[in-house]
Each structure stands twice: as C-alpha cells, then as structure tokens.
Amino acid sequence: MDLNRAILDILEKNSRITPAELAVRLDADEADIVNAIAKMEDDGIICGYLSLINHEKLGDDKVTALIEVRVTPQKGDGFDSIAKKIYRYDEVQAVYLMSGGFDFTVIVEGKSMRDVAMFVSGKLAVLDQVLSTATHFVLRRYKDHGIEFEKRKEDERMRITP
C-alpha cells in the first residue's frame, strides 16, 4: 500500500492523529508524512477535517432533512451549474448527484422543521431548473460517517444456562 493511501485510511477514521503518531504507525519519517498531507490538501484530495457531534446529547434543537430534487439539466453544464447554485446556500450540508428516480439528494440543517420547509419553498423549489422536491426529515441518527451514536451496552446480568 502506498504511503498516501495508508495516511488517508487512518485520517478518515481519526483526523486528530498527529503526524508523529502517523509516522510511528506507518513506520515512516514524520517529515514525509507532513509533506504528503500538505500535498494531498493542495491537490484537493483532503478537502477538510470534521468533528462529528451528537447534537441530541447537547440538547440542541437542530433538524436534518434529506431532500430529493428533480431538475432539468442545463445545456453544456449538465447538472454542475445547478449543484453549484444549491450548495452555496448556508443551510445545505451536502449535495449528491444520484441515479434513479431523482437527480440530487440535498442534505439540509435548520433550527426547526419550519426553517427547513421555508428553505425548500423559498430558496430551493423556486430555482428555475427545479422540477420537484420531496423532503424527508431525519428523526434519529444511529450511525454517521461510520461512527455509532449510541453504543450498545452489554447486558451486565449474569448468564444462567441450564
């Protein structure tokens, strides 16, 4: 496995790991790790570093919605110019081009269902290229980006077998 791929595999699971720790784990020189990461950031391979937060445990009133969007592709640009219009809104967390019955999945966060509904009706649905939307609210996150939100506790009762 090449060094870049090994670095990415580890960073994808833990972006807080230091270059020194990476160097030890990969049996590589720390300077090589730092240079490789800097190059991957410059090349757009590493696009950012995230902290995954369980807002429910903080008591935050935050609503996440997945919105199916059907659009009319633009001549010459296809879907790219429409995606760009959509992802520039602050409420939008992610935009994915999809196969199947609709074109985009747009992930939106707001303070309430009403805020999300106002975004959809006032900003998204009114774009000229948008044909239709269908909004699905996330009721609970169990796992996100490979991380379980509610780790199951082992049954601490003593097992009795006949």
C-alpha atoms as a PDB file:
ATOM      1  CA  MET A   1       0.000   0.000   0.000  1.00  0.00           C
ATOM      2  CA  ASP A   2       1.418   3.407  -0.884  1.00  0.00           C
ATOM      3  CA  LEU A   3       2.054   5.985   1.834  1.00  0.00           C
ATOM      4  CA  ASN A   4      -0.683   8.392   0.719  1.00  0.00           C
ATOM      5  CA  ARG A   5      -3.366   5.689   0.787  1.00  0.00           C
ATOM      6  CA  ALA A   6      -2.200   4.496   4.213  1.00  0.00           C
ATOM      7  CA  ILE A   7      -2.316   8.067   5.573  1.00  0.00           C
ATOM      8  CA  LEU A   8      -5.805   8.597   4.140  1.00  0.00           C
ATOM      9  CA  ASP A   9      -7.120   5.331   5.588  1.00  0.00           C
ATOM     10  CA  ILE A  10      -6.021   6.400   9.071  1.00  0.00           C
ATOM     11  CA  LEU A  11      -7.099  10.053   8.778  1.00  0.00           C
ATOM     12  CA  GLU A  12     -10.532   9.023   7.551  1.00  0.00           C
ATOM     13  CA  LYS A  13     -11.111   7.213  10.849  1.00  0.00           C
ATOM     14  CA  ASN A  14      -9.295   9.707  13.100  1.00  0.00           C
ATOM     15  CA  SER A  15      -8.442  13.165  11.772  1.00  0.00           C
ATOM     16  CA  ARG A  16      -6.968  14.166  15.143  1.00  0.00           C
ATOM     17  CA  ILE A  17      -3.982  11.849  14.842  1.00  0.00           C
ATOM     18  CA  THR A  18      -0.706  13.751  14.752  1.00  0.00           C
ATOM     19  CA  PRO A  19       1.941  13.402  12.043  1.00  0.00           C
ATOM     20  CA  ALA A  20       4.260  11.958  14.701  1.00  0.00           C
ATOM     21  CA  GLU A  21       1.715   9.237  15.544  1.00  0.00           C
ATOM     22  CA  LEU A  22       1.155   8.552  11.841  1.00  0.00           C
ATOM     23  CA  ALA A  23       4.895   8.207  11.325  1.00  0.00           C
ATOM     24  CA  VAL A  24       5.129   5.614  14.102  1.00  0.00           C
ATOM     25  CA  ARG A  25       2.103   3.651  12.886  1.00  0.00           C
ATOM     26  CA  LEU A  26       3.294   3.662   9.283  1.00  0.00           C
ATOM     27  CA  ASP A  27       6.996   3.250  10.046  1.00  0.00           C
ATOM     28  CA  ALA A  28       7.754   6.395   8.057  1.00  0.00           C
ATOM     29  CA  ASP A  29       9.612   9.659   8.535  1.00  0.00           C
ATOM     30  CA  GLU A  30       7.479  12.393  10.139  1.00  0.00           C
ATOM     31  CA  ALA A  31       8.645  14.977   7.553  1.00  0.00           C
ATOM     32  CA  ASP A  32       7.460  12.657   4.752  1.00  0.00           C
ATOM     33  CA  ILE A  33       4.051  12.397   6.461  1.00  0.00           C
ATOM     34  CA  VAL A  34       3.758  16.195   6.836  1.00  0.00           C
ATOM     35  CA  ASN A  35       4.765  16.746   3.191  1.00  0.00           C
ATOM     36  CA  ALA A  36       2.384  14.069   1.914  1.00  0.00           C
ATOM     37  CA  ILE A  37      -0.552  15.536   3.858  1.00  0.00           C
ATOM     38  CA  ALA A  38       0.254  19.079   2.652  1.00  0.00           C
ATOM     39  CA  LYS A  39       0.406  17.886  -0.959  1.00  0.00           C
ATOM     40  CA  MET A  40      -2.892  15.996  -0.663  1.00  0.00           C
ATOM     41  CA  GLU A  41      -4.506  19.134   0.809  1.00  0.00           C
ATOM     42  CA  ASP A  42      -3.104  21.274  -2.045  1.00  0.00           C
ATOM     43  CA  ASP A  43      -4.292  18.728  -4.635  1.00  0.00           C
ATOM     44  CA  GLY A  44      -7.820  18.681  -3.165  1.00  0.00           C
ATOM     45  CA  ILE A  45      -7.594  15.034  -2.121  1.00  0.00           C
ATOM     46  CA  ILE A  46      -8.010  16.007   1.537  1.00  0.00           C
ATOM     47  CA  CYS A  47     -10.864  18.512   1.461  1.00  0.00           C
ATOM     48  CA  GLY A  48     -11.221  19.247   5.178  1.00  0.00           C
ATOM     49  CA  TYR A  49     -11.322  17.835   8.676  1.00  0.00           C
ATOM     50  CA  LEU A  50     -14.571  17.286  10.564  1.00  0.00           C
ATOM     51  CA  SER A  51     -15.758  16.695  14.093  1.00  0.00           C
ATOM     52  CA  LEU A  52     -18.870  14.544  14.284  1.00  0.00           C
ATOM     53  CA  ILE A  53     -21.070  15.960  17.046  1.00  0.00           C
ATOM     54  CA  ASN A  54     -24.104  14.353  18.647  1.00  0.00           C
ATOM     55  CA  HIS A  55     -26.312  17.452  18.939  1.00  0.00           C
ATOM     56  CA  GLU A  56     -29.062  15.422  20.574  1.00  0.00           C
ATOM     57  CA  LYS A  57     -26.850  14.909  23.651  1.00  0.00           C
ATOM     58  CA  LEU A  58     -26.231  18.665  23.804  1.00  0.00           C
ATOM     59  CA  GLY A  59     -29.953  19.328  23.777  1.00  0.00           C
ATOM     60  CA  ASP A  60     -29.592  21.366  20.587  1.00  0.00           C
ATOM     61  CA  ASP A  61     -32.710  21.928  18.576  1.00  0.00           C
ATOM     62  CA  LYS A  62     -31.353  21.017  15.181  1.00  0.00           C
ATOM     63  CA  VAL A  63     -33.204  19.380  12.327  1.00  0.00           C
ATOM     64  CA  THR A  64     -31.648  17.488   9.438  1.00  0.00           C
ATOM     65  CA  ALA A  65     -33.533  16.756   6.244  1.00  0.00           C
ATOM     66  CA  LEU A  66     -32.748  14.820   3.087  1.00  0.00           C
ATOM     67  CA  ILE A  67     -34.384  16.414   0.090  1.00  0.00           C
ATOM     68  CA  GLU A  68     -34.881  14.583  -3.185  1.00  0.00           C
ATOM     69  CA  VAL A  69     -34.648  17.089  -6.029  1.00  0.00           C
ATOM     70  CA  ARG A  70     -35.606  16.566  -9.670  1.00  0.00           C
ATOM     71  CA  VAL A  71     -34.162  19.137 -12.076  1.00  0.00           C
ATOM     72  CA  THR A  72     -33.797  19.966 -15.751  1.00  0.00           C
ATOM     73  CA  PRO A  73     -30.099  19.662 -16.654  1.00  0.00           C
ATOM     74  CA  GLN A  74     -28.518  22.718 -18.300  1.00  0.00           C
ATOM     75  CA  LYS A  75     -27.213  22.561 -21.852  1.00  0.00           C
ATOM     76  CA  GLY A  76     -23.420  22.386 -21.767  1.00  0.00           C
ATOM     77  CA  ASP A  77     -23.209  22.248 -17.944  1.00  0.00           C
ATOM     78  CA  GLY A  78     -25.415  19.266 -17.251  1.00  0.00           C
ATOM     79  CA  PHE A  79     -26.012  19.139 -13.519  1.00  0.00           C
ATOM     80  CA  ASP A  80     -22.913  21.013 -12.353  1.00  0.00           C
ATOM     81  CA  SER A  81     -24.246  24.587 -12.502  1.00  0.00           C
ATOM     82  CA  ILE A  82     -27.447  23.596 -10.696  1.00  0.00           C
ATOM     83  CA  ALA A  83     -25.495  21.763  -7.980  1.00  0.00           C
ATOM     84  CA  LYS A  84     -23.342  24.870  -7.512  1.00  0.00           C
ATOM     85  CA  LYS A  85     -26.428  27.074  -7.037  1.00  0.00           C
ATOM     86  CA  ILE A  86     -27.777  24.652  -4.455  1.00  0.00           C
ATOM     87  CA  TYR A  87     -24.621  24.020  -2.416  1.00  0.00           C
ATOM     88  CA  ARG A  88     -23.891  27.718  -1.966  1.00  0.00           C
ATOM     89  CA  TYR A  89     -26.784  28.098   0.495  1.00  0.00           C
ATOM     90  CA  ASP A  90     -25.631  28.076   4.138  1.00  0.00           C
ATOM     91  CA  GLU A  91     -28.354  25.593   5.114  1.00  0.00           C
ATOM     92  CA  VAL A  92     -27.002  22.980   2.698  1.00  0.00           C
ATOM     93  CA  GLN A  93     -24.588  20.484   4.235  1.00  0.00           C
ATOM     94  CA  ALA A  94     -24.190  18.179   1.231  1.00  0.00           C
ATOM     95  CA  VAL A  95     -25.335  17.728  -2.354  1.00  0.00           C
ATOM     96  CA  TYR A  96     -25.093  14.400  -4.187  1.00  0.00           C
ATOM     97  CA  LEU A  97     -25.885  13.630  -7.834  1.00  0.00           C
ATOM     98  CA  MET A  98     -27.938  10.441  -7.817  1.00  0.00           C
ATOM     99  CA  SER A  99     -29.025   7.694 -10.167  1.00  0.00           C
ATOM    100  CA  GLY A 100     -32.643   6.602 -10.179  1.00  0.00           C
ATOM    101  CA  GLY A 101     -35.915   8.490  -9.810  1.00  0.00           C
ATOM    102  CA  PHE A 102     -34.493  11.886  -8.833  1.00  0.00           C
ATOM    103  CA  ASP A 103     -31.347  13.846  -9.611  1.00  0.00           C
ATOM    104  CA  PHE A 104     -29.948  15.247  -6.346  1.00  0.00           C
ATOM    105  CA  THR A 105     -30.014  14.389  -2.688  1.00  0.00           C
ATOM    106  CA  VAL A 106     -29.603  17.623  -0.740  1.00  0.00           C
ATOM    107  CA  ILE A 107     -28.870  17.393   2.976  1.00  0.00           C
ATOM    108  CA  VAL A 108     -30.022  20.458   4.885  1.00  0.00           C
ATOM    109  CA  GLU A 109     -29.800  21.505   8.525  1.00  0.00           C
ATOM    110  CA  GLY A 110     -32.046  24.027  10.240  1.00  0.00           C
ATOM    111  CA  LYS A 111     -33.231  25.065  13.686  1.00  0.00           C
ATOM    112  CA  SER A 112     -36.704  23.614  13.115  1.00  0.00           C
ATOM    113  CA  MET A 113     -38.820  21.752  10.593  1.00  0.00           C
ATOM    114  CA  ARG A 114     -40.354  25.101   9.720  1.00  0.00           C
ATOM    115  CA  ASP A 115     -36.909  26.552   8.908  1.00  0.00           C
ATOM    116  CA  VAL A 116     -36.195  23.625   6.590  1.00  0.00           C
ATOM    117  CA  ALA A 117     -39.628  23.948   4.985  1.00  0.00           C
ATOM    118  CA  MET A 118     -39.046  27.677   4.434  1.00  0.00           C
ATOM    119  CA  PHE A 119     -35.675  26.913   2.825  1.00  0.00           C
ATOM    120  CA  VAL A 120     -37.257  24.374   0.481  1.00  0.00           C
ATOM    121  CA  SER A 121     -40.204  26.550  -0.502  1.00  0.00           C
ATOM    122  CA  GLY A 122     -38.398  29.896  -0.569  1.00  0.00           C
ATOM    123  CA  LYS A 123     -34.962  29.053  -1.959  1.00  0.00           C
ATOM    124  CA  LEU A 124     -34.729  25.567  -3.416  1.00  0.00           C
ATOM    125  CA  ALA A 125     -38.067  24.889  -5.108  1.00  0.00           C
ATOM    126  CA  VAL A 126     -38.129  28.316  -6.779  1.00  0.00           C
ATOM    127  CA  LEU A 127     -34.920  27.742  -8.768  1.00  0.00           C
ATOM    128  CA  ASP A 128     -35.814  27.698 -12.475  1.00  0.00           C
ATOM    129  CA  GLN A 129     -34.305  24.270 -13.107  1.00  0.00           C
ATOM    130  CA  VAL A 130     -36.038  22.540 -10.158  1.00  0.00           C
ATOM    131  CA  LEU A 131     -38.974  20.406 -11.230  1.00  0.00           C
ATOM    132  CA  SER A 132     -39.906  18.892  -7.859  1.00  0.00           C
ATOM    133  CA  THR A 133     -38.726  18.231  -4.322  1.00  0.00           C
ATOM    134  CA  ALA A 134     -39.556  15.640  -1.673  1.00  0.00           C
ATOM    135  CA  THR A 135     -38.379  16.315   1.889  1.00  0.00           C
ATOM    136  CA  HIS A 136     -37.571  13.588   4.412  1.00  0.00           C
ATOM    137  CA  PHE A 137     -36.755  14.602   7.991  1.00  0.00           C
ATOM    138  CA  VAL A 138     -34.154  12.653   9.958  1.00  0.00           C
ATOM    139  CA  LEU A 139     -35.791  11.509  13.165  1.00  0.00           C
ATOM    140  CA  ARG A 140     -32.690   9.981  14.754  1.00  0.00           C
ATOM    141  CA  ARG A 141     -29.103   9.234  13.785  1.00  0.00           C
ATOM    142  CA  TYR A 142     -27.824   5.830  14.798  1.00  0.00           C
ATOM    143  CA  LYS A 143     -24.594   5.818  12.806  1.00  0.00           C
ATOM    144  CA  ASP A 144     -22.941   8.563  10.772  1.00  0.00           C
ATOM    145  CA  HIS A 145     -19.622   8.509   8.916  1.00  0.00           C
ATOM    146  CA  GLY A 146     -19.011   5.022  10.310  1.00  0.00           C
ATOM    147  CA  ILE A 147     -19.439   6.114  13.926  1.00  0.00           C
ATOM    148  CA  GLU A 148     -22.182   4.685  16.154  1.00  0.00           C
ATOM    149  CA  PHE A 149     -24.040   7.334  18.135  1.00  0.00           C
ATOM    150  CA  GLU A 150     -25.494   5.046  20.769  1.00  0.00           C
ATOM    151  CA  LYS A 151     -23.094   2.296  21.672  1.00  0.00           C
ATOM    152  CA  ARG A 152     -24.950  -0.725  22.906  1.00  0.00           C
ATOM    153  CA  LYS A 153     -24.156  -1.626  26.474  1.00  0.00           C
ATOM    154  CA  GLU A 154     -23.504  -5.258  27.179  1.00  0.00           C
ATOM    155  CA  ASP A 155     -26.093  -6.937  29.367  1.00  0.00           C
ATOM    156  CA  GLU A 156     -24.428  -6.930  32.767  1.00  0.00           C
ATOM    157  CA  ARG A 157     -26.690  -9.605  34.225  1.00  0.00           C
ATOM    158  CA  MET A 158     -25.112 -12.946  34.919  1.00  0.00           C
ATOM    159  CA  ARG A 159     -25.996 -15.553  32.321  1.00  0.00           C
ATOM    160  CA  ILE A 160     -27.605 -18.689  33.588  1.00  0.00           C
ATOM    161  CA  THR A 161     -27.523 -21.751  31.408  1.00  0.00           C
ATOM    162  CA  PRO A 162     -29.346 -24.996  32.152  1.00  0.00           C
END
